[in-house]
Amino acid sequence: IGISREEACHNLLFATCFNSFGGMKIFFPNMLKWIGRAGAKLHNQLAQEIRSVISSNDGKVTMSAMEKMPLMKSVVYESLRIEPPVASQYGRAKKDIVIESHDALFEIKEGELLYGFQPFATKDPKIFDRAEEFVPDRFIGDSGVKLLKHVLWSNGPETENPSANNKQCTGKDFVVLVS
């Protein structure tokens, strides 16, 4: 659109960091709260997992090393699930749509205002066993990974990516990485 590569990169970096900062400012203290409340057993398990992986990675913290820390990743996702950093979303329907719940259908007309409250979805007891509890290992293993599509903290499923066609947080992956 006529801007330089440098300016385009600057704008992309700003958008990612601006969105990430907003989420992290709220999320990081909440995540630490949940980890703190979980107690010494979880603290020891996390320390052991992280120290072991870092030790076997020549003392370096890398993205590939973090991928080998399933409990750490699960704790981050569980923190995002139980207390999403941005609980409310608003938007207007761009076209007529039908939204389904577990037991009903709702017709939404183009232009109608929609409001979403993430915790209604992220604490759904029909999807999450012990939905109101912080379960640190909830997202470990195949069954845990399958639940990630129901973690909606970023204004969309954790398993999907931000795009020009949705309103998902552009800093979503950065927030997870830093967390």
N, C-alpha and C. Protein backbone atom coordinates (compact mmCIF):
# COMPACT_ATOMS: atom_id res chain seq x y z
N ILE A 1 0.82 -1.22 0.00
CA ILE A 1 0.00 0.00 0.00
C ILE A 1 0.85 1.26 0.00
N GLY A 2 2.11 1.11 -0.37
CA GLY A 2 2.95 2.27 -0.54
C GLY A 2 3.82 2.65 0.65
N ILE A 3 3.84 1.83 1.69
CA ILE A 3 4.75 2.14 2.80
C ILE A 3 6.00 1.29 2.68
N SER A 4 7.07 1.76 3.28
CA SER A 4 8.33 1.04 3.17
C SER A 4 8.29 -0.27 3.96
N ARG A 5 9.19 -1.17 3.60
CA ARG A 5 9.30 -2.45 4.33
C ARG A 5 9.58 -2.18 5.81
N GLU A 6 10.46 -1.22 6.08
CA GLU A 6 10.82 -0.90 7.46
C GLU A 6 9.60 -0.42 8.25
N GLU A 7 8.80 0.47 7.64
CA GLU A 7 7.60 0.96 8.33
C GLU A 7 6.57 -0.16 8.51
N ALA A 8 6.43 -1.03 7.53
CA ALA A 8 5.49 -2.15 7.64
C ALA A 8 5.91 -3.08 8.78
N CYS A 9 7.20 -3.38 8.86
CA CYS A 9 7.71 -4.23 9.96
C CYS A 9 7.47 -3.56 11.30
N HIS A 10 7.73 -2.26 11.36
CA HIS A 10 7.51 -1.51 12.60
C HIS A 10 6.03 -1.59 13.02
N ASN A 11 5.14 -1.41 12.06
CA ASN A 11 3.70 -1.47 12.37
C ASN A 11 3.28 -2.85 12.85
N LEU A 12 3.80 -3.91 12.22
CA LEU A 12 3.48 -5.27 12.64
C LEU A 12 4.01 -5.55 14.05
N LEU A 13 5.24 -5.14 14.31
CA LEU A 13 5.83 -5.32 15.63
C LEU A 13 5.05 -4.54 16.68
N PHE A 14 4.66 -3.30 16.37
CA PHE A 14 3.89 -2.50 17.31
C PHE A 14 2.56 -3.16 17.62
N ALA A 15 1.85 -3.62 16.59
CA ALA A 15 0.54 -4.24 16.80
C ALA A 15 0.66 -5.49 17.67
N THR A 16 1.68 -6.31 17.39
CA THR A 16 1.88 -7.52 18.18
C THR A 16 2.21 -7.18 19.63
N CYS A 17 3.14 -6.27 19.82
CA CYS A 17 3.56 -5.93 21.20
C CYS A 17 2.48 -5.18 21.94
N PHE A 18 1.76 -4.28 21.28
CA PHE A 18 0.68 -3.53 21.93
C PHE A 18 -0.40 -4.48 22.43
N ASN A 19 -0.82 -5.40 21.57
CA ASN A 19 -1.83 -6.38 21.97
C ASN A 19 -1.30 -7.29 23.07
N SER A 20 -0.07 -7.73 22.93
CA SER A 20 0.53 -8.62 23.93
C SER A 20 0.64 -7.93 25.28
N PHE A 21 1.08 -6.67 25.30
CA PHE A 21 1.24 -5.94 26.55
C PHE A 21 -0.08 -5.85 27.29
N GLY A 22 -1.15 -5.52 26.56
CA GLY A 22 -2.46 -5.43 27.19
C GLY A 22 -2.87 -6.73 27.85
N GLY A 23 -2.65 -7.82 27.16
CA GLY A 23 -2.99 -9.12 27.72
C GLY A 23 -2.09 -9.51 28.87
N MET A 24 -0.80 -9.27 28.72
CA MET A 24 0.17 -9.67 29.75
C MET A 24 0.00 -8.87 31.03
N LYS A 25 -0.34 -7.60 30.91
CA LYS A 25 -0.51 -6.74 32.09
C LYS A 25 -1.58 -7.32 33.02
N ILE A 26 -2.57 -7.91 32.44
CA ILE A 26 -3.65 -8.54 33.22
C ILE A 26 -3.31 -10.00 33.51
N PHE A 27 -2.82 -10.72 32.50
CA PHE A 27 -2.67 -12.16 32.62
C PHE A 27 -1.54 -12.61 33.53
N PHE A 28 -0.36 -11.99 33.42
CA PHE A 28 0.80 -12.48 34.16
C PHE A 28 0.55 -12.52 35.67
N PRO A 29 0.03 -11.44 36.28
CA PRO A 29 -0.26 -11.53 37.72
C PRO A 29 -1.31 -12.60 38.05
N ASN A 30 -2.30 -12.77 37.17
CA ASN A 30 -3.32 -13.81 37.40
C ASN A 30 -2.71 -15.20 37.32
N MET A 31 -1.83 -15.42 36.35
CA MET A 31 -1.18 -16.72 36.22
C MET A 31 -0.36 -17.03 37.48
N LEU A 32 0.39 -16.05 37.94
CA LEU A 32 1.19 -16.25 39.15
C LEU A 32 0.30 -16.51 40.37
N LYS A 33 -0.85 -15.88 40.41
CA LYS A 33 -1.81 -16.13 41.49
C LYS A 33 -2.24 -17.59 41.51
N TRP A 34 -2.60 -18.11 40.33
CA TRP A 34 -3.07 -19.50 40.26
C TRP A 34 -1.95 -20.49 40.57
N ILE A 35 -0.74 -20.21 40.09
CA ILE A 35 0.39 -21.08 40.39
C ILE A 35 0.68 -21.03 41.89
N GLY A 36 0.66 -19.83 42.46
CA GLY A 36 0.90 -19.69 43.89
C GLY A 36 -0.12 -20.44 44.73
N ARG A 37 -1.37 -20.33 44.35
CA ARG A 37 -2.44 -21.02 45.10
C ARG A 37 -2.36 -22.54 44.97
N ALA A 38 -1.77 -23.02 43.88
CA ALA A 38 -1.71 -24.47 43.64
C ALA A 38 -0.82 -25.19 44.65
N GLY A 39 0.16 -24.50 45.20
CA GLY A 39 0.95 -25.08 46.28
C GLY A 39 2.30 -25.66 45.87
N ALA A 40 2.99 -26.12 46.91
CA ALA A 40 4.39 -26.56 46.78
C ALA A 40 4.56 -27.75 45.84
N LYS A 41 3.61 -28.65 45.80
CA LYS A 41 3.76 -29.82 44.93
C LYS A 41 3.90 -29.38 43.47
N LEU A 42 3.02 -28.49 43.02
CA LEU A 42 3.13 -27.99 41.64
C LEU A 42 4.41 -27.19 41.46
N HIS A 43 4.76 -26.37 42.43
CA HIS A 43 5.99 -25.57 42.34
C HIS A 43 7.20 -26.48 42.12
N ASN A 44 7.27 -27.56 42.89
CA ASN A 44 8.38 -28.51 42.75
C ASN A 44 8.37 -29.23 41.41
N GLN A 45 7.17 -29.63 40.96
CA GLN A 45 7.06 -30.31 39.66
C GLN A 45 7.51 -29.39 38.52
N LEU A 46 7.07 -28.13 38.56
CA LEU A 46 7.47 -27.18 37.53
C LEU A 46 8.98 -26.94 37.57
N ALA A 47 9.52 -26.74 38.75
CA ALA A 47 10.96 -26.49 38.88
C ALA A 47 11.76 -27.68 38.34
N GLN A 48 11.32 -28.88 38.69
CA GLN A 48 12.03 -30.08 38.23
C GLN A 48 11.97 -30.21 36.71
N GLU A 49 10.77 -30.03 36.13
CA GLU A 49 10.62 -30.14 34.69
C GLU A 49 11.46 -29.09 33.97
N ILE A 50 11.36 -27.86 34.39
CA ILE A 50 12.07 -26.76 33.71
C ILE A 50 13.58 -26.92 33.86
N ARG A 51 14.05 -27.19 35.08
CA ARG A 51 15.49 -27.35 35.29
C ARG A 51 16.05 -28.53 34.50
N SER A 52 15.31 -29.62 34.43
CA SER A 52 15.76 -30.81 33.71
C SER A 52 15.91 -30.52 32.22
N VAL A 53 14.91 -29.88 31.63
CA VAL A 53 14.95 -29.58 30.20
C VAL A 53 16.06 -28.57 29.89
N ILE A 54 16.16 -27.53 30.70
CA ILE A 54 17.20 -26.52 30.47
C ILE A 54 18.59 -27.15 30.61
N SER A 55 18.75 -28.00 31.61
CA SER A 55 20.04 -28.67 31.81
C SER A 55 20.42 -29.52 30.61
N SER A 56 19.46 -30.24 30.04
CA SER A 56 19.74 -31.08 28.88
C SER A 56 19.85 -30.27 27.59
N ASN A 57 19.63 -28.96 27.68
CA ASN A 57 19.71 -28.07 26.52
C ASN A 57 20.89 -27.09 26.69
N ASP A 58 21.96 -27.58 27.31
CA ASP A 58 23.17 -26.78 27.53
C ASP A 58 22.89 -25.49 28.30
N GLY A 59 21.91 -25.53 29.18
CA GLY A 59 21.60 -24.37 30.01
C GLY A 59 20.88 -23.25 29.29
N LYS A 60 20.39 -23.51 28.09
CA LYS A 60 19.74 -22.46 27.29
C LYS A 60 18.22 -22.63 27.29
N VAL A 61 17.55 -21.50 27.42
CA VAL A 61 16.09 -21.47 27.29
C VAL A 61 15.79 -21.12 25.83
N THR A 62 15.22 -22.07 25.11
CA THR A 62 14.86 -21.85 23.71
C THR A 62 13.41 -22.26 23.51
N MET A 63 12.86 -21.87 22.37
CA MET A 63 11.48 -22.26 22.08
C MET A 63 11.37 -23.78 21.97
N SER A 64 12.35 -24.42 21.37
CA SER A 64 12.29 -25.88 21.25
C SER A 64 12.41 -26.54 22.63
N ALA A 65 13.19 -25.94 23.52
CA ALA A 65 13.27 -26.49 24.89
C ALA A 65 11.92 -26.36 25.59
N MET A 66 11.28 -25.22 25.41
CA MET A 66 9.98 -25.02 26.08
C MET A 66 8.92 -25.99 25.55
N GLU A 67 9.07 -26.41 24.31
CA GLU A 67 8.13 -27.40 23.75
C GLU A 67 8.26 -28.75 24.46
N LYS A 68 9.36 -28.96 25.17
CA LYS A 68 9.59 -30.21 25.90
C LYS A 68 9.16 -30.10 27.35
N MET A 69 8.36 -29.09 27.68
CA MET A 69 7.89 -28.86 29.05
C MET A 69 6.36 -28.93 29.08
N PRO A 70 5.80 -30.13 29.02
CA PRO A 70 4.34 -30.24 28.93
C PRO A 70 3.60 -29.67 30.15
N LEU A 71 4.14 -29.84 31.35
CA LEU A 71 3.45 -29.31 32.52
C LEU A 71 3.47 -27.78 32.49
N MET A 72 4.60 -27.20 32.15
CA MET A 72 4.68 -25.74 32.09
C MET A 72 3.67 -25.20 31.07
N LYS A 73 3.62 -25.80 29.89
CA LYS A 73 2.66 -25.36 28.87
C LYS A 73 1.23 -25.54 29.35
N SER A 74 0.94 -26.66 29.99
CA SER A 74 -0.40 -26.91 30.49
C SER A 74 -0.81 -25.88 31.54
N VAL A 75 0.11 -25.50 32.40
CA VAL A 75 -0.18 -24.50 33.44
C VAL A 75 -0.52 -23.16 32.78
N VAL A 76 0.20 -22.80 31.74
CA VAL A 76 -0.10 -21.55 31.03
C VAL A 76 -1.50 -21.61 30.42
N TYR A 77 -1.80 -22.69 29.72
CA TYR A 77 -3.13 -22.82 29.10
C TYR A 77 -4.24 -22.89 30.16
N GLU A 78 -3.99 -23.57 31.25
CA GLU A 78 -5.00 -23.66 32.31
C GLU A 78 -5.23 -22.29 32.93
N SER A 79 -4.18 -21.50 33.07
CA SER A 79 -4.33 -20.14 33.60
C SER A 79 -5.15 -19.29 32.63
N LEU A 80 -4.90 -19.43 31.33
CA LEU A 80 -5.67 -18.71 30.32
C LEU A 80 -7.13 -19.17 30.32
N ARG A 81 -7.35 -20.46 30.55
CA ARG A 81 -8.71 -21.00 30.57
C ARG A 81 -9.49 -20.50 31.77
N ILE A 82 -8.91 -20.60 32.95
CA ILE A 82 -9.67 -20.33 34.16
C ILE A 82 -9.92 -18.85 34.39
N GLU A 83 -9.00 -18.01 33.90
CA GLU A 83 -9.18 -16.56 34.07
C GLU A 83 -8.64 -15.83 32.84
N PRO A 84 -9.42 -15.82 31.75
CA PRO A 84 -8.97 -15.17 30.53
C PRO A 84 -8.64 -13.69 30.78
N PRO A 85 -7.54 -13.19 30.21
CA PRO A 85 -7.15 -11.81 30.48
C PRO A 85 -8.15 -10.76 29.97
N VAL A 86 -8.87 -11.08 28.92
CA VAL A 86 -9.92 -10.18 28.42
C VAL A 86 -11.19 -11.02 28.39
N ALA A 87 -12.02 -10.83 29.39
CA ALA A 87 -13.19 -11.70 29.56
C ALA A 87 -14.33 -11.35 28.61
N SER A 88 -14.45 -10.09 28.20
CA SER A 88 -15.59 -9.65 27.40
C SER A 88 -15.19 -9.27 25.99
N GLN A 89 -16.02 -9.63 25.04
CA GLN A 89 -15.85 -9.25 23.64
C GLN A 89 -17.17 -8.73 23.10
N TYR A 90 -17.06 -7.80 22.16
CA TYR A 90 -18.24 -7.24 21.50
C TYR A 90 -17.98 -7.28 20.00
N GLY A 91 -19.04 -7.35 19.23
CA GLY A 91 -18.91 -7.28 17.78
C GLY A 91 -20.28 -7.27 17.13
N ARG A 92 -20.33 -6.83 15.89
CA ARG A 92 -21.58 -6.85 15.12
C ARG A 92 -21.50 -7.98 14.11
N ALA A 93 -22.61 -8.66 13.96
CA ALA A 93 -22.68 -9.75 12.98
C ALA A 93 -22.53 -9.17 11.57
N LYS A 94 -21.60 -9.73 10.80
CA LYS A 94 -21.37 -9.26 9.44
C LYS A 94 -22.36 -9.87 8.45
N LYS A 95 -23.03 -10.94 8.89
CA LYS A 95 -24.04 -11.60 8.06
C LYS A 95 -24.96 -12.37 9.00
N ASP A 96 -26.08 -12.86 8.48
CA ASP A 96 -26.97 -13.70 9.29
C ASP A 96 -26.24 -14.99 9.64
N ILE A 97 -26.28 -15.35 10.91
CA ILE A 97 -25.62 -16.58 11.36
C ILE A 97 -26.50 -17.29 12.39
N VAL A 98 -26.17 -18.54 12.61
CA VAL A 98 -26.81 -19.32 13.66
C VAL A 98 -25.70 -19.76 14.62
N ILE A 99 -25.90 -19.46 15.90
CA ILE A 99 -24.95 -19.87 16.93
C ILE A 99 -25.58 -21.01 17.71
N GLU A 100 -24.80 -22.07 17.92
CA GLU A 100 -25.30 -23.24 18.63
C GLU A 100 -24.68 -23.32 20.02
N SER A 101 -25.53 -23.67 20.98
CA SER A 101 -25.03 -24.04 22.30
C SER A 101 -25.18 -25.56 22.39
N HIS A 102 -24.99 -26.11 23.58
CA HIS A 102 -25.14 -27.56 23.72
C HIS A 102 -26.56 -28.01 23.45
N ASP A 103 -27.53 -27.12 23.72
CA ASP A 103 -28.92 -27.56 23.63
C ASP A 103 -29.87 -26.57 22.96
N ALA A 104 -29.34 -25.58 22.23
CA ALA A 104 -30.22 -24.62 21.57
C ALA A 104 -29.51 -23.99 20.38
N LEU A 105 -30.32 -23.38 19.50
CA LEU A 105 -29.83 -22.62 18.36
C LEU A 105 -30.30 -21.18 18.50
N PHE A 106 -29.43 -20.24 18.12
CA PHE A 106 -29.79 -18.83 18.22
C PHE A 106 -29.54 -18.18 16.87
N GLU A 107 -30.58 -17.58 16.30
CA GLU A 107 -30.46 -16.89 15.03
C GLU A 107 -30.01 -15.46 15.29
N ILE A 108 -28.93 -15.06 14.63
CA ILE A 108 -28.39 -13.72 14.75
C ILE A 108 -28.49 -13.06 13.38
N LYS A 109 -29.05 -11.89 13.33
CA LYS A 109 -29.22 -11.17 12.07
C LYS A 109 -28.04 -10.23 11.82
N GLU A 110 -27.73 -10.02 10.57
CA GLU A 110 -26.66 -9.10 10.18
C GLU A 110 -26.86 -7.75 10.88
N GLY A 111 -25.77 -7.24 11.45
CA GLY A 111 -25.82 -5.94 12.12
C GLY A 111 -26.14 -5.99 13.60
N GLU A 112 -26.65 -7.12 14.09
CA GLU A 112 -26.95 -7.21 15.52
C GLU A 112 -25.66 -7.21 16.33
N LEU A 113 -25.75 -6.59 17.50
CA LEU A 113 -24.61 -6.51 18.40
C LEU A 113 -24.52 -7.80 19.20
N LEU A 114 -23.31 -8.37 19.25
CA LEU A 114 -23.07 -9.59 20.01
C LEU A 114 -22.15 -9.26 21.18
N TYR A 115 -22.37 -9.96 22.27
CA TYR A 115 -21.51 -9.82 23.45
C TYR A 115 -21.12 -11.23 23.89
N GLY A 116 -19.85 -11.42 24.14
CA GLY A 116 -19.38 -12.72 24.62
C GLY A 116 -18.64 -12.57 25.93
N PHE A 117 -18.90 -13.46 26.85
CA PHE A 117 -18.20 -13.50 28.13
C PHE A 117 -17.44 -14.81 28.18
N GLN A 118 -16.11 -14.73 27.95
CA GLN A 118 -15.27 -15.92 27.80
C GLN A 118 -15.45 -16.95 28.91
N PRO A 119 -15.47 -16.56 30.19
CA PRO A 119 -15.56 -17.58 31.24
C PRO A 119 -16.79 -18.49 31.15
N PHE A 120 -17.88 -18.02 30.51
CA PHE A 120 -19.02 -18.93 30.32
C PHE A 120 -18.60 -20.13 29.47
N ALA A 121 -17.73 -19.90 28.51
CA ALA A 121 -17.26 -20.98 27.64
C ALA A 121 -16.08 -21.73 28.24
N THR A 122 -15.14 -21.00 28.83
CA THR A 122 -13.92 -21.64 29.31
C THR A 122 -14.12 -22.40 30.62
N LYS A 123 -15.28 -22.19 31.24
CA LYS A 123 -15.59 -22.95 32.46
C LYS A 123 -16.84 -23.81 32.27
N ASP A 124 -17.08 -24.21 31.04
CA ASP A 124 -18.25 -25.03 30.72
C ASP A 124 -18.05 -26.44 31.28
N PRO A 125 -18.89 -26.85 32.24
CA PRO A 125 -18.72 -28.18 32.84
C PRO A 125 -19.05 -29.33 31.88
N LYS A 126 -19.71 -29.04 30.77
CA LYS A 126 -19.96 -30.09 29.78
C LYS A 126 -18.71 -30.38 28.96
N ILE A 127 -17.73 -29.48 29.01
CA ILE A 127 -16.48 -29.66 28.28
C ILE A 127 -15.33 -29.95 29.23
N PHE A 128 -15.26 -29.19 30.32
CA PHE A 128 -14.14 -29.29 31.25
C PHE A 128 -14.56 -29.95 32.56
N ASP A 129 -13.98 -31.10 32.84
CA ASP A 129 -14.16 -31.75 34.13
C ASP A 129 -13.60 -30.83 35.21
N ARG A 130 -14.32 -30.70 36.32
CA ARG A 130 -13.90 -29.80 37.42
C ARG A 130 -13.61 -28.40 36.86
N ALA A 131 -14.57 -27.87 36.13
CA ALA A 131 -14.41 -26.64 35.36
C ALA A 131 -14.05 -25.42 36.21
N GLU A 132 -14.46 -25.39 37.45
CA GLU A 132 -14.18 -24.24 38.31
C GLU A 132 -12.85 -24.38 39.05
N GLU A 133 -12.17 -25.51 38.88
CA GLU A 133 -10.90 -25.74 39.57
C GLU A 133 -9.72 -25.50 38.64
N PHE A 134 -8.62 -25.04 39.23
CA PHE A 134 -7.35 -24.93 38.51
C PHE A 134 -6.70 -26.30 38.52
N VAL A 135 -6.64 -26.93 37.35
CA VAL A 135 -6.08 -28.28 37.20
C VAL A 135 -4.81 -28.15 36.34
N PRO A 136 -3.63 -28.10 36.99
CA PRO A 136 -2.39 -27.80 36.27
C PRO A 136 -2.06 -28.71 35.10
N ASP A 137 -2.41 -29.98 35.18
CA ASP A 137 -2.05 -30.92 34.11
C ASP A 137 -3.21 -31.20 33.14
N ARG A 138 -4.20 -30.34 33.13
CA ARG A 138 -5.40 -30.54 32.30
C ARG A 138 -5.06 -30.72 30.81
N PHE A 139 -4.04 -30.03 30.31
CA PHE A 139 -3.76 -30.01 28.88
C PHE A 139 -2.57 -30.88 28.48
N ILE A 140 -2.27 -31.89 29.30
CA ILE A 140 -1.20 -32.83 28.99
C ILE A 140 -1.79 -34.07 28.31
N GLY A 141 -1.06 -34.60 27.36
CA GLY A 141 -1.49 -35.82 26.66
C GLY A 141 -2.47 -35.52 25.54
N ASP A 142 -2.84 -36.58 24.81
CA ASP A 142 -3.74 -36.43 23.67
C ASP A 142 -5.09 -35.84 24.05
N SER A 143 -5.68 -36.32 25.14
CA SER A 143 -6.99 -35.81 25.55
C SER A 143 -6.89 -34.35 25.97
N GLY A 144 -5.78 -33.98 26.60
CA GLY A 144 -5.57 -32.59 27.00
C GLY A 144 -5.40 -31.67 25.82
N VAL A 145 -4.62 -32.12 24.84
CA VAL A 145 -4.39 -31.31 23.64
C VAL A 145 -5.70 -31.08 22.90
N LYS A 146 -6.58 -32.07 22.89
CA LYS A 146 -7.88 -31.93 22.22
C LYS A 146 -8.74 -30.85 22.87
N LEU A 147 -8.53 -30.60 24.16
CA LEU A 147 -9.31 -29.57 24.86
C LEU A 147 -8.88 -28.15 24.49
N LEU A 148 -7.71 -27.98 23.90
CA LEU A 148 -7.21 -26.64 23.59
C LEU A 148 -8.14 -25.86 22.68
N LYS A 149 -8.92 -26.55 21.84
CA LYS A 149 -9.85 -25.84 20.96
C LYS A 149 -10.94 -25.12 21.74
N HIS A 150 -11.09 -25.47 23.02
CA HIS A 150 -12.10 -24.83 23.88
C HIS A 150 -11.51 -23.75 24.77
N VAL A 151 -10.21 -23.47 24.62
CA VAL A 151 -9.57 -22.38 25.37
C VAL A 151 -9.68 -21.15 24.48
N LEU A 152 -10.55 -20.22 24.85
CA LEU A 152 -10.94 -19.12 23.98
C LEU A 152 -10.45 -17.76 24.46
N TRP A 153 -9.39 -17.72 25.21
CA TRP A 153 -8.93 -16.49 25.84
C TRP A 153 -8.60 -15.38 24.85
N SER A 154 -8.23 -15.72 23.64
CA SER A 154 -7.73 -14.74 22.66
C SER A 154 -8.79 -14.29 21.67
N ASN A 155 -10.05 -14.43 22.05
CA ASN A 155 -11.17 -14.07 21.17
C ASN A 155 -11.30 -15.07 20.01
N GLY A 156 -10.92 -16.29 20.29
CA GLY A 156 -11.01 -17.37 19.33
C GLY A 156 -10.35 -18.60 19.92
N PRO A 157 -10.52 -19.76 19.31
CA PRO A 157 -9.92 -20.99 19.84
C PRO A 157 -8.39 -20.93 19.85
N GLU A 158 -7.79 -21.50 20.88
CA GLU A 158 -6.33 -21.54 20.99
C GLU A 158 -5.70 -22.24 19.79
N THR A 159 -6.44 -23.15 19.16
CA THR A 159 -5.91 -23.93 18.04
C THR A 159 -5.99 -23.19 16.70
N GLU A 160 -6.55 -21.98 16.69
CA GLU A 160 -6.64 -21.20 15.45
C GLU A 160 -5.71 -20.00 15.52
N ASN A 161 -5.45 -19.40 14.38
CA ASN A 161 -4.53 -18.27 14.29
C ASN A 161 -5.25 -16.98 13.93
N PRO A 162 -4.71 -15.85 14.38
CA PRO A 162 -5.28 -14.56 13.99
C PRO A 162 -5.16 -14.36 12.48
N SER A 163 -6.15 -13.72 11.90
CA SER A 163 -6.10 -13.43 10.47
C SER A 163 -6.89 -12.16 10.20
N ALA A 164 -6.84 -11.72 8.97
CA ALA A 164 -7.61 -10.54 8.57
C ALA A 164 -9.11 -10.82 8.62
N ASN A 165 -9.50 -12.09 8.67
CA ASN A 165 -10.91 -12.45 8.64
C ASN A 165 -11.51 -12.72 10.02
N ASN A 166 -10.71 -12.54 11.09
CA ASN A 166 -11.27 -12.74 12.43
C ASN A 166 -10.75 -11.65 13.35
N LYS A 167 -11.22 -11.65 14.55
CA LYS A 167 -10.80 -10.63 15.51
C LYS A 167 -9.95 -11.23 16.62
N GLN A 168 -9.28 -12.32 16.29
CA GLN A 168 -8.44 -12.97 17.28
C GLN A 168 -7.22 -12.11 17.57
N CYS A 169 -6.78 -12.13 18.81
CA CYS A 169 -5.65 -11.31 19.28
C CYS A 169 -4.40 -11.57 18.45
N THR A 170 -3.84 -10.51 17.88
CA THR A 170 -2.64 -10.67 17.06
C THR A 170 -1.42 -11.05 17.89
N GLY A 171 -1.45 -10.76 19.19
CA GLY A 171 -0.34 -11.09 20.06
C GLY A 171 -0.49 -12.41 20.79
N LYS A 172 -1.47 -13.21 20.41
CA LYS A 172 -1.81 -14.44 21.14
C LYS A 172 -0.64 -15.39 21.32
N ASP A 173 0.08 -15.68 20.26
CA ASP A 173 1.20 -16.61 20.35
C ASP A 173 2.34 -16.04 21.18
N PHE A 174 2.55 -14.73 21.08
CA PHE A 174 3.59 -14.06 21.85
C PHE A 174 3.26 -14.14 23.35
N VAL A 175 2.00 -13.94 23.71
CA VAL A 175 1.58 -14.02 25.12
C VAL A 175 1.86 -15.43 25.65
N VAL A 176 1.50 -16.45 24.90
CA VAL A 176 1.74 -17.84 25.33
C VAL A 176 3.25 -18.09 25.46
N LEU A 177 4.03 -17.66 24.50
CA LEU A 177 5.48 -17.85 24.53
C LEU A 177 6.09 -17.19 25.77
N VAL A 178 5.78 -15.94 26.02
CA VAL A 178 6.35 -15.22 27.15
C VAL A 178 5.87 -15.83 28.46
N SER A 179 4.64 -16.26 28.51
CA SER A 179 4.09 -16.85 29.74
C SER A 179 4.76 -18.15 30.06
